[in-house]
Amino acid sequence: MKSIRPGCTPFFRLMLSLYAACLFISCAHAPPIPMKGNKPADPNRVSFKGTSANIFADPLTLAGRLQKPAGDGPFPAVVLLHGCGGIQPKRDHRWAERLSDWGYVTFQVDSFGPRGLSNVCTYTGKDSIDIFQQRVTDAYDALQYLAGLPFVDVKKIAVMGWSHGGHTTLQALYQDRKMPFQAAVAFYPACRRSLSGMSAPLLILIGEADDWTPAAQCVTMMPKGKTSPEVILKIYPGAYHGFDTVGANHKVRGSKGMHHLQYNPVAEADAIIQVRSFFEKHLR
């Protein structure tokens, strides 16, 4: 007996042709999805030519994520500097979204991808110094990039960083630049120098229980009495490193051993209030 497969019947072939025609029509009108490998590319990712922290090295093509509020602007803007483990979506992306909702353009600088790095948490000695110098240069390159965008207010650009990026933020404020940042926020940075004589108003947010970048160091380095620009230090009782990273409750290896990271919703909630108020004061 001759067998007949369902796929070979005239009726099935007719239905298949109609389905293919409908699929072609719908796809013809669908916008193309940018791809990177097998994954959709990030539509917010941009790149530009930076400068070099080393006069003997070629300029680096920097990359990062750019987000802007709805409208034409000009808007104030914030350069965002990730920690030693690179950009963390559960922290960095959430802050970028939050700032955009408040009316700020944000640029998340990817300091590692263009350099072929993924993690510098265990760097010591010259390697540690070099990457900090490079990241300070990245921060000012990002400022220049934002200043060239038509929807950014060039007189209202701030910098904000976490951990390694927070320490980079402090280092950036020791710089004497023709176009300085107008405000800065550092989450749990390493405070290794006096916080006097900074080039912009500074807000430091850190946990009392932080065993990686101890809050006591920042207390020691605070200016004596009032200073201009202002320096504000907010310490959260019982909070650890990474208190604004949703879901964090683990240890990370640093250059001097293991350190505890833990999300603290109470500390994060207050940090949101502090950052919004600080930027309203200095960027509006």
Protein backbone atom coordinates (compact mmCIF):
# COMPACT_ATOMS: atom_id res chain seq x y z
CA MET A 1 0.00 0.00 0.00
CA LYS A 2 1.25 3.47 -0.87
CA SER A 3 1.69 5.65 2.18
CA ILE A 4 0.73 9.32 2.11
CA ARG A 5 2.53 11.73 4.43
CA PRO A 6 0.39 14.62 5.75
CA GLY A 7 2.97 17.11 4.52
CA CYS A 8 2.47 16.01 0.93
CA THR A 9 -1.30 16.46 0.60
CA PRO A 10 -2.54 19.26 -1.71
CA PHE A 11 -4.48 20.82 1.18
CA PHE A 12 -1.39 20.91 3.44
CA ARG A 13 0.71 22.43 0.67
CA LEU A 14 -1.93 25.15 0.17
CA MET A 15 -2.01 25.99 3.89
CA LEU A 16 1.79 26.04 4.05
CA SER A 17 1.93 28.47 1.11
CA LEU A 18 -0.61 30.80 2.75
CA TYR A 19 1.32 30.72 6.04
CA ALA A 20 4.60 31.51 4.29
CA ALA A 21 2.98 34.44 2.46
CA CYS A 22 1.62 35.88 5.72
CA LEU A 23 4.98 35.44 7.43
CA PHE A 24 6.75 37.23 4.57
CA ILE A 25 4.34 40.18 4.72
CA SER A 26 4.66 40.60 8.51
CA CYS A 27 8.45 40.27 8.46
CA ALA A 28 8.75 42.71 5.57
CA HIS A 29 7.27 45.43 7.76
CA ALA A 30 9.09 44.51 11.00
CA PRO A 31 12.12 46.67 11.91
CA PRO A 32 15.44 44.85 11.72
CA ILE A 33 16.91 43.73 15.05
CA PRO A 34 20.63 44.52 15.38
CA MET A 35 22.55 41.38 16.25
CA LYS A 36 25.85 40.73 17.98
CA GLY A 37 26.73 37.09 17.47
CA ASN A 38 23.58 35.18 18.41
CA LYS A 39 22.28 37.92 20.71
CA PRO A 40 20.53 41.23 19.94
CA ALA A 41 23.00 44.12 20.18
CA ASP A 42 22.50 46.70 22.91
CA PRO A 43 20.81 49.68 21.17
CA ASN A 44 22.20 52.03 23.84
CA ARG A 45 25.84 51.06 23.28
CA VAL A 46 28.06 53.69 21.65
CA SER A 47 31.78 54.06 21.07
CA PHE A 48 34.16 56.95 20.45
CA LYS A 49 37.87 57.66 20.24
CA GLY A 50 39.37 58.50 23.60
CA THR A 51 42.74 59.85 24.62
CA SER A 52 45.63 57.90 26.08
CA ALA A 53 46.84 58.05 29.67
CA ASN A 54 50.23 57.05 28.24
CA ILE A 55 51.71 59.47 25.68
CA PHE A 56 53.46 56.55 23.98
CA ALA A 57 50.26 54.52 23.50
CA ASP A 58 47.66 54.86 20.76
CA PRO A 59 44.29 56.36 21.76
CA LEU A 60 41.73 53.79 22.84
CA THR A 61 38.28 53.43 21.29
CA LEU A 62 36.07 53.67 24.35
CA ALA A 63 32.62 52.16 24.63
CA GLY A 64 29.64 52.45 26.94
CA ARG A 65 25.87 52.70 27.32
CA LEU A 66 24.17 56.03 26.63
CA GLN A 67 20.66 56.77 27.88
CA LYS A 68 18.68 59.99 27.67
CA PRO A 69 15.31 61.22 28.91
CA ALA A 70 12.51 61.85 26.44
CA GLY A 71 12.69 65.24 24.76
CA ASP A 72 15.25 67.50 23.16
CA GLY A 73 17.03 68.83 26.24
CA PRO A 74 19.53 70.13 26.96
CA PHE A 75 19.70 67.86 30.00
CA PRO A 76 22.22 67.57 32.83
CA ALA A 77 24.30 64.42 32.53
CA VAL A 78 26.13 61.89 34.71
CA VAL A 79 29.17 59.76 33.82
CA LEU A 80 28.84 56.36 35.54
CA LEU A 81 31.95 54.36 36.54
CA HIS A 82 31.57 50.64 37.29
CA GLY A 83 33.40 48.64 39.96
CA CYS A 84 36.36 46.27 39.69
CA GLY A 85 34.15 43.50 38.27
CA GLY A 86 32.82 45.55 35.37
CA ILE A 87 29.29 46.82 34.71
CA GLN A 88 26.73 45.12 37.01
CA PRO A 89 23.19 45.19 35.55
CA LYS A 90 21.54 44.67 38.96
CA ARG A 91 23.16 47.86 40.19
CA ASP A 92 24.59 49.99 37.36
CA HIS A 93 21.72 49.58 34.89
CA ARG A 94 19.17 50.26 37.63
CA TRP A 95 20.90 53.52 38.55
CA ALA A 96 21.12 54.54 34.90
CA GLU A 97 17.37 53.95 34.49
CA ARG A 98 16.64 55.82 37.70
CA LEU A 99 18.72 58.85 36.71
CA SER A 100 17.13 58.89 33.26
CA ASP A 101 13.69 58.92 34.90
CA TRP A 102 14.84 61.94 36.94
CA GLY A 103 15.81 63.81 33.77
CA TYR A 104 19.54 63.08 33.44
CA VAL A 105 21.49 61.76 30.48
CA THR A 106 23.72 58.90 31.62
CA PHE A 107 26.81 57.33 30.12
CA GLN A 108 28.05 54.05 31.60
CA VAL A 109 31.72 53.89 30.72
CA ASP A 110 32.96 50.38 29.93
CA SER A 111 36.62 50.69 30.95
CA PHE A 112 37.33 46.96 30.67
CA GLY A 113 35.81 45.65 27.43
CA PRO A 114 37.92 47.81 25.08
CA ARG A 115 41.04 46.77 27.03
CA GLY A 116 40.25 43.06 26.95
CA LEU A 117 39.68 42.97 30.72
CA SER A 118 36.83 41.54 32.76
CA ASN A 119 37.99 41.95 36.35
CA VAL A 120 40.71 43.94 38.16
CA CYS A 121 39.65 43.21 41.75
CA THR A 122 42.95 41.50 42.59
CA TYR A 123 45.26 44.03 40.92
CA THR A 124 48.13 45.32 43.05
CA GLY A 125 51.19 47.54 42.69
CA LYS A 126 51.88 49.16 39.33
CA ASP A 127 48.98 47.35 37.63
CA SER A 128 46.56 48.87 40.13
CA ILE A 129 47.98 52.37 39.73
CA ASP A 130 47.96 52.12 35.92
CA ILE A 131 44.31 51.06 35.66
CA PHE A 132 43.23 53.88 38.00
CA GLN A 133 45.09 56.42 35.84
CA GLN A 134 43.49 54.98 32.72
CA ARG A 135 40.04 55.11 34.26
CA VAL A 136 40.44 58.75 35.30
CA THR A 137 41.29 59.49 31.68
CA ASP A 138 38.21 57.49 30.63
CA ALA A 139 36.04 59.60 32.92
CA TYR A 140 37.20 62.87 31.37
CA ASP A 141 36.97 61.43 27.86
CA ALA A 142 33.35 60.55 28.64
CA LEU A 143 32.76 64.10 29.91
CA GLN A 144 34.12 65.50 26.62
CA TYR A 145 31.97 63.08 24.65
CA LEU A 146 28.81 64.09 26.51
CA ALA A 147 29.70 67.78 26.14
CA GLY A 148 29.64 67.32 22.37
CA LEU A 149 26.07 65.98 22.30
CA PRO A 150 23.37 68.54 21.39
CA PHE A 151 20.97 67.32 24.10
CA VAL A 152 23.50 67.66 26.98
CA ASP A 153 24.00 70.81 29.06
CA VAL A 154 27.79 71.16 28.97
CA LYS A 155 27.80 73.13 32.24
CA LYS A 156 26.00 70.40 34.20
CA ILE A 157 27.91 67.13 33.94
CA ALA A 158 28.63 65.00 37.03
CA VAL A 159 30.47 61.75 37.74
CA MET A 160 29.31 58.85 39.89
CA GLY A 161 31.12 55.59 40.63
CA TRP A 162 31.02 52.42 42.72
CA SER A 163 33.91 50.81 44.63
CA HIS A 164 36.83 50.83 42.15
CA GLY A 165 34.81 53.37 40.16
CA GLY A 166 34.14 55.30 43.36
CA HIS A 167 37.85 55.52 44.04
CA THR A 168 38.34 56.59 40.41
CA THR A 169 35.75 59.30 41.05
CA LEU A 170 37.81 60.63 43.95
CA GLN A 171 40.97 60.56 41.84
CA ALA A 172 39.19 62.52 39.10
CA LEU A 173 38.41 65.29 41.59
CA TYR A 174 42.08 65.77 42.38
CA GLN A 175 42.59 66.75 38.74
CA ASP A 176 42.82 70.37 37.61
CA ARG A 177 40.99 70.40 34.27
CA LYS A 178 39.68 73.16 32.02
CA MET A 179 36.32 71.39 31.95
CA PRO A 180 35.79 69.89 35.43
CA PHE A 181 32.88 67.83 36.67
CA GLN A 182 30.24 69.89 38.44
CA ALA A 183 29.40 67.28 41.09
CA ALA A 184 30.46 63.79 42.13
CA VAL A 185 29.01 60.82 44.02
CA ALA A 186 31.22 57.96 45.22
CA PHE A 187 29.71 54.72 46.53
CA TYR A 188 31.98 52.85 48.99
CA PRO A 189 35.30 54.17 47.63
CA ALA A 190 38.76 53.65 49.10
CA CYS A 191 39.57 56.94 50.83
CA ARG A 192 43.39 57.06 50.73
CA ARG A 193 44.03 60.80 50.55
CA SER A 194 42.68 63.90 52.22
CA LEU A 195 39.28 64.87 50.84
CA SER A 196 40.15 68.56 51.04
CA GLY A 197 40.61 70.68 47.93
CA MET A 198 38.37 68.63 45.64
CA SER A 199 37.43 70.19 42.29
CA ALA A 200 33.67 69.62 42.71
CA PRO A 201 31.07 69.01 45.43
CA LEU A 202 31.32 65.40 46.63
CA LEU A 203 28.90 62.94 48.24
CA ILE A 204 30.29 59.67 49.67
CA LEU A 205 27.91 56.83 50.57
CA ILE A 206 29.40 53.88 52.43
CA GLY A 207 28.46 51.05 54.80
CA GLU A 208 29.63 50.91 58.40
CA ALA A 209 30.28 47.15 58.12
CA ASP A 210 32.22 47.45 54.84
CA ASP A 211 35.29 45.18 55.16
CA TRP A 212 36.72 46.07 51.73
CA THR A 213 36.78 49.87 51.78
CA PRO A 214 36.35 50.71 55.47
CA ALA A 215 34.21 53.71 56.31
CA ALA A 216 36.70 54.65 59.05
CA GLN A 217 39.26 55.58 56.38
CA CYS A 218 36.84 58.09 54.88
CA VAL A 219 36.11 59.53 58.33
CA THR A 220 39.84 60.05 58.85
CA MET A 221 40.26 61.74 55.47
CA MET A 222 37.32 64.15 55.82
CA PRO A 223 38.14 67.89 55.82
CA LYS A 224 38.26 69.58 59.18
CA GLY A 225 35.32 71.96 59.38
CA LYS A 226 33.40 73.36 56.44
CA THR A 227 35.00 73.29 53.03
CA SER A 228 34.24 74.52 49.55
CA PRO A 229 33.31 72.65 47.45
CA GLU A 230 31.33 70.72 50.04
CA VAL A 231 32.16 67.13 50.97
CA ILE A 232 29.38 65.02 52.49
CA LEU A 233 29.94 61.58 54.03
CA LYS A 234 26.94 59.33 54.76
CA ILE A 235 27.62 56.09 56.65
CA TYR A 236 24.93 53.38 56.81
CA PRO A 237 24.87 51.31 60.04
CA GLY A 238 25.17 47.58 59.44
CA ALA A 239 25.60 47.96 55.66
CA TYR A 240 28.29 46.13 53.71
CA HIS A 241 30.09 46.78 50.44
CA GLY A 242 27.67 46.70 47.48
CA PHE A 243 24.64 47.58 49.61
CA ASP A 244 22.77 48.84 46.50
CA THR A 245 23.37 45.68 44.42
CA VAL A 246 20.08 43.76 44.39
CA GLY A 247 20.47 40.13 45.45
CA ALA A 248 24.08 40.45 46.60
CA ASN A 249 25.01 38.24 49.57
CA HIS A 250 28.36 36.67 48.78
CA LYS A 251 32.12 37.09 49.06
CA VAL A 252 34.46 38.48 46.42
CA ARG A 253 38.22 38.09 46.28
CA GLY A 254 40.16 41.33 46.36
CA SER A 255 43.86 42.09 46.44
CA LYS A 256 43.99 41.45 50.21
CA GLY A 257 41.62 38.51 50.59
CA MET A 258 37.87 37.87 50.61
CA HIS A 259 35.29 40.61 51.20
CA HIS A 260 31.58 40.44 51.91
CA LEU A 261 29.00 42.04 49.60
CA GLN A 262 25.40 42.28 50.73
CA TYR A 263 22.30 44.08 49.51
CA ASN A 264 20.68 46.37 52.05
CA PRO A 265 17.32 47.76 50.90
CA VAL A 266 17.15 50.31 53.73
CA ALA A 267 20.54 51.76 52.86
CA GLU A 268 19.72 51.71 49.15
CA ALA A 269 16.43 53.53 49.71
CA ASP A 270 18.17 56.33 51.60
CA ALA A 271 21.00 56.46 49.02
CA ILE A 272 18.40 57.09 46.32
CA ILE A 273 17.09 60.05 48.31
CA GLN A 274 20.61 61.37 48.97
CA VAL A 275 21.73 61.14 45.33
CA ARG A 276 18.59 62.74 43.97
CA SER A 277 18.78 65.63 46.45
CA PHE A 278 22.52 66.14 45.85
CA PHE A 279 22.18 66.29 42.07
CA GLU A 280 19.12 68.54 42.32
CA LYS A 281 21.23 70.94 44.35
CA HIS A 282 24.29 70.98 42.10
CA LEU A 283 23.03 70.19 38.58
CA ARG A 284 19.70 72.03 38.38
